Amino acid sequence: MKYWRETCAVAQRILIELWRRQRSLLFWSIFPITVLFLNGLIMAEQAQLSTAEAFERAAPTTLVG
């Protein structure tokens, strides 16, 4: 429980700081979606996959990386 509380406290501090700089908050909410979209389209083109299958394969690596 100690680590969970510390993790929540750090996340709360980050969100408060991002809220103070709203442009940053907007960027960090749009950035992962954009990267996922681009990776899915690139993978679909290079591997000759359907778009849905490419997004399924791109999601784990994009969201972890």
C-alpha atoms as a PDB file:
ATOM      1  CA  MET A   1       0.000   0.000   0.000  1.00  0.00           C
ATOM      2  CA  LYS A   2       2.905   2.346   0.678  1.00  0.00           C
ATOM      3  CA  TYR A   3       4.088   2.222  -2.935  1.00  0.00           C
ATOM      4  CA  TRP A   4       0.543   2.658  -4.209  1.00  0.00           C
ATOM      5  CA  ARG A   5       0.116   5.848  -2.156  1.00  0.00           C
ATOM      6  CA  GLU A   6       3.482   7.172  -3.306  1.00  0.00           C
ATOM      7  CA  THR A   7       2.630   6.411  -6.933  1.00  0.00           C
ATOM      8  CA  CYS A   8      -0.711   8.189  -6.600  1.00  0.00           C
ATOM      9  CA  ALA A   9       0.956  11.183  -4.956  1.00  0.00           C
ATOM     10  CA  VAL A  10       3.491  11.498  -7.777  1.00  0.00           C
ATOM     11  CA  ALA A  11       0.767  11.137 -10.411  1.00  0.00           C
ATOM     12  CA  GLN A  12      -1.299  13.784  -8.639  1.00  0.00           C
ATOM     13  CA  ARG A  13       1.648  16.208  -8.563  1.00  0.00           C
ATOM     14  CA  ILE A  14       2.293  15.658 -12.262  1.00  0.00           C
ATOM     15  CA  LEU A  15      -1.359  16.253 -13.147  1.00  0.00           C
ATOM     16  CA  ILE A  16      -1.512  19.413 -11.029  1.00  0.00           C
ATOM     17  CA  GLU A  17       1.594  20.778 -12.719  1.00  0.00           C
ATOM     18  CA  LEU A  18       0.251  19.903 -16.155  1.00  0.00           C
ATOM     19  CA  TRP A  19      -3.065  21.545 -15.267  1.00  0.00           C
ATOM     20  CA  ARG A  20      -1.212  24.747 -14.451  1.00  0.00           C
ATOM     21  CA  ARG A  21       0.368  24.606 -17.905  1.00  0.00           C
ATOM     22  CA  GLN A  22      -2.679  23.671 -19.915  1.00  0.00           C
ATOM     23  CA  ARG A  23      -0.877  23.680 -23.248  1.00  0.00           C
ATOM     24  CA  SER A  24       1.345  20.893 -21.927  1.00  0.00           C
ATOM     25  CA  LEU A  25      -1.687  18.954 -20.741  1.00  0.00           C
ATOM     26  CA  LEU A  26      -3.231  19.199 -24.184  1.00  0.00           C
ATOM     27  CA  PHE A  27      -0.006  18.000 -25.796  1.00  0.00           C
ATOM     28  CA  TRP A  28       0.340  14.992 -23.495  1.00  0.00           C
ATOM     29  CA  SER A  29      -3.262  13.968 -24.095  1.00  0.00           C
ATOM     30  CA  ILE A  30      -2.967  14.198 -27.904  1.00  0.00           C
ATOM     31  CA  PHE A  31       0.567  12.840 -28.346  1.00  0.00           C
ATOM     32  CA  PRO A  32      -0.042   9.119 -27.546  1.00  0.00           C
ATOM     33  CA  ILE A  33      -3.102   9.001 -29.804  1.00  0.00           C
ATOM     34  CA  THR A  34      -1.192  10.566 -32.677  1.00  0.00           C
ATOM     35  CA  VAL A  35       1.769   8.202 -32.303  1.00  0.00           C
ATOM     36  CA  LEU A  36      -0.559   5.189 -32.188  1.00  0.00           C
ATOM     37  CA  PHE A  37      -2.386   6.397 -35.297  1.00  0.00           C
ATOM     38  CA  LEU A  38       0.835   6.941 -37.243  1.00  0.00           C
ATOM     39  CA  ASN A  39       2.370   3.619 -36.173  1.00  0.00           C
ATOM     40  CA  GLY A  40      -0.800   1.771 -37.166  1.00  0.00           C
ATOM     41  CA  LEU A  41      -0.888   3.367 -40.602  1.00  0.00           C
ATOM     42  CA  ILE A  42       2.815   2.734 -41.220  1.00  0.00           C
ATOM     43  CA  MET A  43       2.493  -0.892 -40.137  1.00  0.00           C
ATOM     44  CA  ALA A  44      -0.577  -1.399 -42.335  1.00  0.00           C
ATOM     45  CA  GLU A  45       1.288  -0.052 -45.342  1.00  0.00           C
ATOM     46  CA  GLN A  46       4.561  -1.915 -44.831  1.00  0.00           C
ATOM     47  CA  ALA A  47       3.175  -5.285 -43.759  1.00  0.00           C
ATOM     48  CA  GLN A  48       0.171  -5.221 -46.115  1.00  0.00           C
ATOM     49  CA  LEU A  49      -2.234  -5.688 -43.186  1.00  0.00           C
ATOM     50  CA  SER A  50      -5.758  -4.431 -42.751  1.00  0.00           C
ATOM     51  CA  THR A  51      -5.952  -1.219 -40.764  1.00  0.00           C
ATOM     52  CA  ALA A  52      -7.693  -2.929 -37.837  1.00  0.00           C
ATOM     53  CA  GLU A  53      -5.070  -5.668 -37.631  1.00  0.00           C
ATOM     54  CA  ALA A  54      -2.247  -3.145 -37.904  1.00  0.00           C
ATOM     55  CA  PHE A  55      -3.675  -1.087 -35.022  1.00  0.00           C
ATOM     56  CA  GLU A  56      -4.023  -4.237 -32.906  1.00  0.00           C
ATOM     57  CA  ARG A  57      -0.369  -5.069 -33.470  1.00  0.00           C
ATOM     58  CA  ALA A  58       0.865  -1.491 -33.059  1.00  0.00           C
ATOM     59  CA  ALA A  59      -0.999  -0.703 -29.826  1.00  0.00           C
ATOM     60  CA  PRO A  60       1.108  -2.657 -27.297  1.00  0.00           C
ATOM     61  CA  THR A  61       4.482  -1.450 -28.560  1.00  0.00           C
ATOM     62  CA  THR A  62       3.297   2.123 -29.004  1.00  0.00           C
ATOM     63  CA  LEU A  63       1.728   2.425 -25.569  1.00  0.00           C
ATOM     64  CA  VAL A  64       4.688   0.806 -23.799  1.00  0.00           C
ATOM     65  CA  GLY A  65       7.325   2.769 -25.716  1.00  0.00           C
END
